[in-house]
Amino acid sequence: MPDMSASLALTHLVPLAKEVDENKVTPGVLGFIVFAVMALAVWGLMKSMSKHMGKVSFEQDPEKESVSADGSGSGGKTAPAKG
């Protein structure tokens, strides 16, 4: 059986709902659902980004810089491109 205070609150809120302008456009439930889905997507992307940024090593390894891919030991330095 419904609570009397809930039914009393509904009887007071129904006239307030009728005062809303019928020509006014509001986002409604669909707007809320779209906003909530976008907020959850942004939260998930930020969580994923922070996890991936935690895996990145920002320190350079000096041993890998001194040996190039072909083993010539040029230190990874190349001549500037012409043109």
PDB file of N, CA and C in Angstrom:
ATOM      1  N   MET A   1       0.845  -1.173   0.000  1.00  0.00           N
ATOM      2  CA  MET A   1       0.000   0.000   0.000  1.00  0.00           C
ATOM      3  C   MET A   1       0.896   1.242   0.000  1.00  0.00           C
ATOM      4  N   PRO A   2       0.632   2.191  -0.878  1.00  0.00           N
ATOM      5  CA  PRO A   2       1.500   3.370  -0.972  1.00  0.00           C
ATOM      6  C   PRO A   2       1.450   4.223   0.292  1.00  0.00           C
ATOM      7  N   ASP A   3       2.540   4.876   0.527  1.00  0.00           N
ATOM      8  CA  ASP A   3       2.656   5.751   1.689  1.00  0.00           C
ATOM      9  C   ASP A   3       1.788   6.996   1.473  1.00  0.00           C
ATOM     10  N   MET A   4       1.166   7.471   2.523  1.00  0.00           N
ATOM     11  CA  MET A   4       0.277   8.639   2.406  1.00  0.00           C
ATOM     12  C   MET A   4       1.064   9.909   2.058  1.00  0.00           C
ATOM     13  N   SER A   5       2.280  10.012   2.564  1.00  0.00           N
ATOM     14  CA  SER A   5       3.066  11.204   2.254  1.00  0.00           C
ATOM     15  C   SER A   5       3.445  11.235   0.770  1.00  0.00           C
ATOM     16  N   ALA A   6       3.661  10.063   0.165  1.00  0.00           N
ATOM     17  CA  ALA A   6       3.975  10.017  -1.262  1.00  0.00           C
ATOM     18  C   ALA A   6       2.782  10.455  -2.090  1.00  0.00           C
ATOM     19  N   SER A   7       1.597   9.992  -1.732  1.00  0.00           N
ATOM     20  CA  SER A   7       0.410  10.404  -2.487  1.00  0.00           C
ATOM     21  C   SER A   7       0.111  11.880  -2.264  1.00  0.00           C
ATOM     22  N   LEU A   8       0.379  12.381  -1.057  1.00  0.00           N
ATOM     23  CA  LEU A   8       0.186  13.801  -0.787  1.00  0.00           C
ATOM     24  C   LEU A   8       1.157  14.642  -1.609  1.00  0.00           C
ATOM     25  N   ALA A   9       2.403  14.173  -1.715  1.00  0.00           N
ATOM     26  CA  ALA A   9       3.393  14.887  -2.515  1.00  0.00           C
ATOM     27  C   ALA A   9       2.990  14.891  -3.985  1.00  0.00           C
ATOM     28  N   LEU A  10       2.458  13.775  -4.460  1.00  0.00           N
ATOM     29  CA  LEU A  10       2.024  13.714  -5.860  1.00  0.00           C
ATOM     30  C   LEU A  10       0.863  14.657  -6.131  1.00  0.00           C
ATOM     31  N   THR A  11      -0.048  14.781  -5.196  1.00  0.00           N
ATOM     32  CA  THR A  11      -1.168  15.695  -5.406  1.00  0.00           C
ATOM     33  C   THR A  11      -0.713  17.146  -5.452  1.00  0.00           C
ATOM     34  N   HIS A  12       0.394  17.463  -4.782  1.00  0.00           N
ATOM     35  CA  HIS A  12       0.926  18.819  -4.839  1.00  0.00           C
ATOM     36  C   HIS A  12       1.786  19.045  -6.081  1.00  0.00           C
ATOM     37  N   LEU A  13       2.422  17.993  -6.600  1.00  0.00           N
ATOM     38  CA  LEU A  13       3.307  18.147  -7.756  1.00  0.00           C
ATOM     39  C   LEU A  13       2.569  18.109  -9.087  1.00  0.00           C
ATOM     40  N   VAL A  14       1.425  17.464  -9.152  1.00  0.00           N
ATOM     41  CA  VAL A  14       0.686  17.371 -10.413  1.00  0.00           C
ATOM     42  C   VAL A  14       0.266  18.748 -10.913  1.00  0.00           C
ATOM     43  N   PRO A  15      -0.270  19.636 -10.069  1.00  0.00           N
ATOM     44  CA  PRO A  15      -0.591  20.976 -10.585  1.00  0.00           C
ATOM     45  C   PRO A  15       0.653  21.740 -11.048  1.00  0.00           C
ATOM     46  N   LEU A  16       1.796  21.504 -10.411  1.00  0.00           N
ATOM     47  CA  LEU A  16       3.029  22.171 -10.850  1.00  0.00           C
ATOM     48  C   LEU A  16       3.451  21.684 -12.223  1.00  0.00           C
ATOM     49  N   ALA A  17       3.230  20.416 -12.519  1.00  0.00           N
ATOM     50  CA  ALA A  17       3.585  19.875 -13.825  1.00  0.00           C
ATOM     51  C   ALA A  17       2.711  20.465 -14.914  1.00  0.00           C
ATOM     52  N   LYS A  18       1.480  20.801 -14.604  1.00  0.00           N
ATOM     53  CA  LYS A  18       0.586  21.386 -15.593  1.00  0.00           C
ATOM     54  C   LYS A  18       0.971  22.826 -15.924  1.00  0.00           C
ATOM     55  N   GLU A  19       1.702  23.477 -15.008  1.00  0.00           N
ATOM     56  CA  GLU A  19       2.111  24.858 -15.239  1.00  0.00           C
ATOM     57  C   GLU A  19       3.253  24.970 -16.235  1.00  0.00           C
ATOM     58  N   VAL A  20       3.894  23.850 -16.585  1.00  0.00           N
ATOM     59  CA  VAL A  20       5.002  23.874 -17.527  1.00  0.00           C
ATOM     60  C   VAL A  20       4.462  24.236 -18.905  1.00  0.00           C
ATOM     61  N   ASP A  21       5.159  25.120 -19.596  1.00  0.00           N
ATOM     62  CA  ASP A  21       4.733  25.559 -20.927  1.00  0.00           C
ATOM     63  C   ASP A  21       4.805  24.386 -21.904  1.00  0.00           C
ATOM     64  N   GLU A  22       3.728  24.066 -22.571  1.00  0.00           N
ATOM     65  CA  GLU A  22       3.658  22.937 -23.500  1.00  0.00           C
ATOM     66  C   GLU A  22       4.485  23.185 -24.762  1.00  0.00           C
ATOM     67  N   ASN A  23       4.787  24.439 -25.094  1.00  0.00           N
ATOM     68  CA  ASN A  23       5.552  24.769 -26.299  1.00  0.00           C
ATOM     69  C   ASN A  23       7.058  24.809 -26.043  1.00  0.00           C
ATOM     70  N   LYS A  24       7.439  24.637 -24.807  1.00  0.00           N
ATOM     71  CA  LYS A  24       8.857  24.691 -24.443  1.00  0.00           C
ATOM     72  C   LYS A  24       9.501  23.327 -24.678  1.00  0.00           C
ATOM     73  N   VAL A  25      10.655  23.328 -25.310  1.00  0.00           N
ATOM     74  CA  VAL A  25      11.362  22.080 -25.599  1.00  0.00           C
ATOM     75  C   VAL A  25      12.325  21.789 -24.451  1.00  0.00           C
ATOM     76  N   THR A  26      12.273  20.574 -23.929  1.00  0.00           N
ATOM     77  CA  THR A  26      13.178  20.146 -22.866  1.00  0.00           C
ATOM     78  C   THR A  26      13.892  18.876 -23.313  1.00  0.00           C
ATOM     79  N   PRO A  27      15.076  18.595 -22.773  1.00  0.00           N
ATOM     80  CA  PRO A  27      15.816  17.406 -23.205  1.00  0.00           C
ATOM     81  C   PRO A  27      15.127  16.103 -22.825  1.00  0.00           C
ATOM     82  N   GLY A  28      14.471  16.055 -21.702  1.00  0.00           N
ATOM     83  CA  GLY A  28      13.741  14.862 -21.306  1.00  0.00           C
ATOM     84  C   GLY A  28      14.637  13.694 -20.950  1.00  0.00           C
ATOM     85  N   VAL A  29      14.050  12.513 -20.947  1.00  0.00           N
ATOM     86  CA  VAL A  29      14.743  11.292 -20.542  1.00  0.00           C
ATOM     87  C   VAL A  29      15.813  10.909 -21.564  1.00  0.00           C
ATOM     88  N   LEU A  30      15.501  11.066 -22.845  1.00  0.00           N
ATOM     89  CA  LEU A  30      16.472  10.709 -23.885  1.00  0.00           C
ATOM     90  C   LEU A  30      17.748  11.555 -23.768  1.00  0.00           C
ATOM     91  N   GLY A  31      17.587  12.842 -23.505  1.00  0.00           N
ATOM     92  CA  GLY A  31      18.747  13.710 -23.316  1.00  0.00           C
ATOM     93  C   GLY A  31      19.585  13.289 -22.132  1.00  0.00           C
ATOM     94  N   PHE A  32      18.931  12.894 -21.047  1.00  0.00           N
ATOM     95  CA  PHE A  32      19.658  12.426 -19.873  1.00  0.00           C
ATOM     96  C   PHE A  32      20.409  11.142 -20.165  1.00  0.00           C
ATOM     97  N   ILE A  33      19.775  10.224 -20.885  1.00  0.00           N
ATOM     98  CA  ILE A  33      20.424   8.943 -21.210  1.00  0.00           C
ATOM     99  C   ILE A  33      21.647   9.182 -22.096  1.00  0.00           C
ATOM    100  N   VAL A  34      21.510  10.042 -23.103  1.00  0.00           N
ATOM    101  CA  VAL A  34      22.646  10.344 -23.984  1.00  0.00           C
ATOM    102  C   VAL A  34      23.774  10.983 -23.188  1.00  0.00           C
ATOM    103  N   PHE A  35      23.451  11.918 -22.305  1.00  0.00           N
ATOM    104  CA  PHE A  35      24.467  12.575 -21.484  1.00  0.00           C
ATOM    105  C   PHE A  35      25.153  11.571 -20.564  1.00  0.00           C
ATOM    106  N   ALA A  36      24.383  10.673 -19.960  1.00  0.00           N
ATOM    107  CA  ALA A  36      24.956   9.681 -19.056  1.00  0.00           C
ATOM    108  C   ALA A  36      25.877   8.723 -19.800  1.00  0.00           C
ATOM    109  N   VAL A  37      25.483   8.301 -21.000  1.00  0.00           N
ATOM    110  CA  VAL A  37      26.330   7.404 -21.792  1.00  0.00           C
ATOM    111  C   VAL A  37      27.627   8.102 -22.190  1.00  0.00           C
ATOM    112  N   MET A  38      27.531   9.366 -22.588  1.00  0.00           N
ATOM    113  CA  MET A  38      28.743  10.109 -22.950  1.00  0.00           C
ATOM    114  C   MET A  38      29.654  10.299 -21.739  1.00  0.00           C
ATOM    115  N   ALA A  39      29.069  10.563 -20.575  1.00  0.00           N
ATOM    116  CA  ALA A  39      29.879  10.732 -19.367  1.00  0.00           C
ATOM    117  C   ALA A  39      30.580   9.431 -19.003  1.00  0.00           C
ATOM    118  N   LEU A  40      29.886   8.313 -19.117  1.00  0.00           N
ATOM    119  CA  LEU A  40      30.516   7.014 -18.845  1.00  0.00           C
ATOM    120  C   LEU A  40      31.613   6.705 -19.853  1.00  0.00           C
ATOM    121  N   ALA A  41      31.410   7.081 -21.112  1.00  0.00           N
ATOM    122  CA  ALA A  41      32.434   6.847 -22.129  1.00  0.00           C
ATOM    123  C   ALA A  41      33.692   7.671 -21.837  1.00  0.00           C
ATOM    124  N   VAL A  42      33.513   8.922 -21.467  1.00  0.00           N
ATOM    125  CA  VAL A  42      34.670   9.769 -21.138  1.00  0.00           C
ATOM    126  C   VAL A  42      35.397   9.224 -19.919  1.00  0.00           C
ATOM    127  N   TRP A  43      34.645   8.781 -18.907  1.00  0.00           N
ATOM    128  CA  TRP A  43      35.265   8.206 -17.715  1.00  0.00           C
ATOM    129  C   TRP A  43      36.077   6.960 -18.080  1.00  0.00           C
ATOM    130  N   GLY A  44      35.511   6.097 -18.919  1.00  0.00           N
ATOM    131  CA  GLY A  44      36.227   4.888 -19.332  1.00  0.00           C
ATOM    132  C   GLY A  44      37.477   5.208 -20.131  1.00  0.00           C
ATOM    133  N   LEU A  45      37.383   6.191 -21.027  1.00  0.00           N
ATOM    134  CA  LEU A  45      38.558   6.579 -21.816  1.00  0.00           C
ATOM    135  C   LEU A  45      39.649   7.182 -20.933  1.00  0.00           C
ATOM    136  N   MET A  46      39.275   7.989 -19.965  1.00  0.00           N
ATOM    137  CA  MET A  46      40.276   8.581 -19.068  1.00  0.00           C
ATOM    138  C   MET A  46      40.939   7.506 -18.209  1.00  0.00           C
ATOM    139  N   LYS A  47      40.163   6.534 -17.762  1.00  0.00           N
ATOM    140  CA  LYS A  47      40.733   5.449 -16.966  1.00  0.00           C
ATOM    141  C   LYS A  47      41.701   4.627 -17.811  1.00  0.00           C
ATOM    142  N   SER A  48      41.324   4.344 -19.051  1.00  0.00           N
ATOM    143  CA  SER A  48      42.189   3.587 -19.946  1.00  0.00           C
ATOM    144  C   SER A  48      43.465   4.373 -20.258  1.00  0.00           C
ATOM    145  N   MET A  49      43.311   5.684 -20.492  1.00  0.00           N
ATOM    146  CA  MET A  49      44.479   6.505 -20.806  1.00  0.00           C
ATOM    147  C   MET A  49      45.450   6.535 -19.625  1.00  0.00           C
ATOM    148  N   SER A  50      44.937   6.664 -18.420  1.00  0.00           N
ATOM    149  CA  SER A  50      45.843   6.714 -17.270  1.00  0.00           C
ATOM    150  C   SER A  50      46.552   5.375 -17.080  1.00  0.00           C
ATOM    151  N   LYS A  51      45.878   4.269 -17.399  1.00  0.00           N
ATOM    152  CA  LYS A  51      46.515   2.955 -17.297  1.00  0.00           C
ATOM    153  C   LYS A  51      47.636   2.829 -18.337  1.00  0.00           C
ATOM    154  N   HIS A  52      47.378   3.288 -19.557  1.00  0.00           N
ATOM    155  CA  HIS A  52      48.392   3.205 -20.603  1.00  0.00           C
ATOM    156  C   HIS A  52      49.550   4.171 -20.343  1.00  0.00           C
ATOM    157  N   MET A  53      49.256   5.345 -19.799  1.00  0.00           N
ATOM    158  CA  MET A  53      50.332   6.295 -19.496  1.00  0.00           C
ATOM    159  C   MET A  53      51.207   5.770 -18.361  1.00  0.00           C
ATOM    160  N   GLY A  54      50.644   4.954 -17.492  1.00  0.00           N
ATOM    161  CA  GLY A  54      51.438   4.355 -16.421  1.00  0.00           C
ATOM    162  C   GLY A  54      52.443   3.348 -16.943  1.00  0.00           C
ATOM    163  N   LYS A  55      52.165   2.757 -18.105  1.00  0.00           N
ATOM    164  CA  LYS A  55      53.072   1.772 -18.692  1.00  0.00           C
ATOM    165  C   LYS A  55      54.227   2.423 -19.455  1.00  0.00           C
ATOM    166  N   VAL A  56      54.116   3.707 -19.783  1.00  0.00           N
ATOM    167  CA  VAL A  56      55.127   4.386 -20.589  1.00  0.00           C
ATOM    168  C   VAL A  56      56.332   4.727 -19.726  1.00  0.00           C
ATOM    169  N   SER A  57      57.511   4.407 -20.234  1.00  0.00           N
ATOM    170  CA  SER A  57      58.745   4.765 -19.549  1.00  0.00           C
ATOM    171  C   SER A  57      59.297   6.032 -20.195  1.00  0.00           C
ATOM    172  N   PHE A  58      59.436   7.099 -19.411  1.00  0.00           N
ATOM    173  CA  PHE A  58      59.892   8.363 -19.952  1.00  0.00           C
ATOM    174  C   PHE A  58      61.409   8.521 -19.874  1.00  0.00           C
ATOM    175  N   GLU A  59      62.099   7.562 -19.277  1.00  0.00           N
ATOM    176  CA  GLU A  59      63.545   7.642 -19.179  1.00  0.00           C
ATOM    177  C   GLU A  59      64.175   7.009 -20.405  1.00  0.00           C
ATOM    178  N   GLN A  60      65.184   7.687 -20.952  1.00  0.00           N
ATOM    179  CA  GLN A  60      65.868   7.161 -22.126  1.00  0.00           C
ATOM    180  C   GLN A  60      66.990   6.237 -21.686  1.00  0.00           C
ATOM    181  N   ASP A  61      67.150   5.168 -22.416  1.00  0.00           N
ATOM    182  CA  ASP A  61      68.198   4.209 -22.129  1.00  0.00           C
ATOM    183  C   ASP A  61      69.451   4.636 -22.895  1.00  0.00           C
ATOM    184  N   PRO A  62      70.543   5.071 -22.228  1.00  0.00           N
ATOM    185  CA  PRO A  62      71.728   5.566 -22.946  1.00  0.00           C
ATOM    186  C   PRO A  62      72.422   4.470 -23.757  1.00  0.00           C
ATOM    187  N   GLU A  63      72.305   3.212 -23.375  1.00  0.00           N
ATOM    188  CA  GLU A  63      72.963   2.145 -24.127  1.00  0.00           C
ATOM    189  C   GLU A  63      72.297   1.942 -25.487  1.00  0.00           C
ATOM    190  N   LYS A  64      71.012   2.073 -25.553  1.00  0.00           N
ATOM    191  CA  LYS A  64      70.316   1.879 -26.825  1.00  0.00           C
ATOM    192  C   LYS A  64      70.558   3.039 -27.770  1.00  0.00           C
ATOM    193  N   GLU A  65      70.845   4.234 -27.248  1.00  0.00           N
ATOM    194  CA  GLU A  65      71.121   5.383 -28.103  1.00  0.00           C
ATOM    195  C   GLU A  65      72.479   5.252 -28.784  1.00  0.00           C
ATOM    196  N   SER A  66      73.458   4.641 -28.111  1.00  0.00           N
ATOM    197  CA  SER A  66      74.806   4.591 -28.667  1.00  0.00           C
ATOM    198  C   SER A  66      74.943   3.551 -29.771  1.00  0.00           C
ATOM    199  N   VAL A  67      74.062   2.566 -29.830  1.00  0.00           N
ATOM    200  CA  VAL A  67      74.129   1.540 -30.861  1.00  0.00           C
ATOM    201  C   VAL A  67      72.925   1.699 -31.778  1.00  0.00           C
ATOM    202  N   SER A  68      73.188   1.877 -33.075  1.00  0.00           N
ATOM    203  CA  SER A  68      72.077   2.030 -34.011  1.00  0.00           C
ATOM    204  C   SER A  68      71.567   0.664 -34.446  1.00  0.00           C
ATOM    205  N   ALA A  69      70.566   0.645 -35.256  1.00  0.00           N
ATOM    206  CA  ALA A  69      69.923  -0.606 -35.677  1.00  0.00           C
ATOM    207  C   ALA A  69      70.870  -1.476 -36.508  1.00  0.00           C
ATOM    208  N   ASP A  70      71.756  -0.874 -37.297  1.00  0.00           N
ATOM    209  CA  ASP A  70      72.670  -1.681 -38.113  1.00  0.00           C
ATOM    210  C   ASP A  70      73.963  -2.024 -37.386  1.00  0.00           C
ATOM    211  N   GLY A  71      74.135  -1.535 -36.175  1.00  0.00           N
ATOM    212  CA  GLY A  71      75.291  -1.884 -35.368  1.00  0.00           C
ATOM    213  C   GLY A  71      76.519  -1.050 -35.656  1.00  0.00           C
ATOM    214  N   SER A  72      76.411   0.027 -36.420  1.00  0.00           N
ATOM    215  CA  SER A  72      77.583   0.828 -36.754  1.00  0.00           C
ATOM    216  C   SER A  72      78.013   1.730 -35.602  1.00  0.00           C
ATOM    217  N   GLY A  73      77.164   1.922 -34.634  1.00  0.00           N
ATOM    218  CA  GLY A  73      77.550   2.711 -33.476  1.00  0.00           C
ATOM    219  C   GLY A  73      77.566   4.192 -33.740  1.00  0.00           C
ATOM    220  N   SER A  74      76.724   4.684 -34.615  1.00  0.00           N
ATOM    221  CA  SER A  74      76.717   6.105 -34.937  1.00  0.00           C
ATOM    222  C   SER A  74      75.980   6.928 -33.889  1.00  0.00           C
ATOM    223  N   GLY A  75      75.423   6.246 -32.891  1.00  0.00           N
ATOM    224  CA  GLY A  75      74.755   6.990 -31.829  1.00  0.00           C
ATOM    225  C   GLY A  75      73.363   7.426 -32.221  1.00  0.00           C
ATOM    226  N   GLY A  76      72.841   6.925 -33.311  1.00  0.00           N
ATOM    227  CA  GLY A  76      71.505   7.280 -33.728  1.00  0.00           C
ATOM    228  C   GLY A  76      71.412   8.627 -34.417  1.00  0.00           C
ATOM    229  N   LYS A  77      72.571   9.254 -34.647  1.00  0.00           N
ATOM    230  CA  LYS A  77      72.566  10.573 -35.291  1.00  0.00           C
ATOM    231  C   LYS A  77      72.622  10.392 -36.794  1.00  0.00           C
ATOM    232  N   THR A  78      71.819  11.149 -37.480  1.00  0.00           N
ATOM    233  CA  THR A  78      71.802  11.112 -38.948  1.00  0.00           C
ATOM    234  C   THR A  78      71.994  12.514 -39.472  1.00  0.00           C
ATOM    235  N   ALA A  79      72.374  12.605 -40.725  1.00  0.00           N
ATOM    236  CA  ALA A  79      72.548  13.890 -41.358  1.00  0.00           C
ATOM    237  C   ALA A  79      71.177  14.525 -41.596  1.00  0.00           C
ATOM    238  N   PRO A  80      71.094  15.852 -41.540  1.00  0.00           N
ATOM    239  CA  PRO A  80      69.812  16.498 -41.794  1.00  0.00           C
ATOM    240  C   PRO A  80      69.371  16.275 -43.236  1.00  0.00           C
ATOM    241  N   ALA A  81      68.081  16.224 -43.425  1.00  0.00           N
ATOM    242  CA  ALA A  81      67.534  15.996 -44.758  1.00  0.00           C
ATOM    243  C   ALA A  81      67.739  17.240 -45.624  1.00  0.00           C
ATOM    244  N   LYS A  82      68.051  17.012 -46.872  1.00  0.00           N
ATOM    245  CA  LYS A  82      68.231  18.129 -47.802  1.00  0.00           C
ATOM    246  C   LYS A  82      66.905  18.444 -48.488  1.00  0.00           C
ATOM    247  N   GLY A  83      66.688  19.696 -48.724  1.00  0.00           N
ATOM    248  CA  GLY A  83      65.516  20.056 -49.514  1.00  0.00           C
ATOM    249  C   GLY A  83      64.577  20.802 -48.740  1.00  0.00           C
TER     250      GLY A  83
END
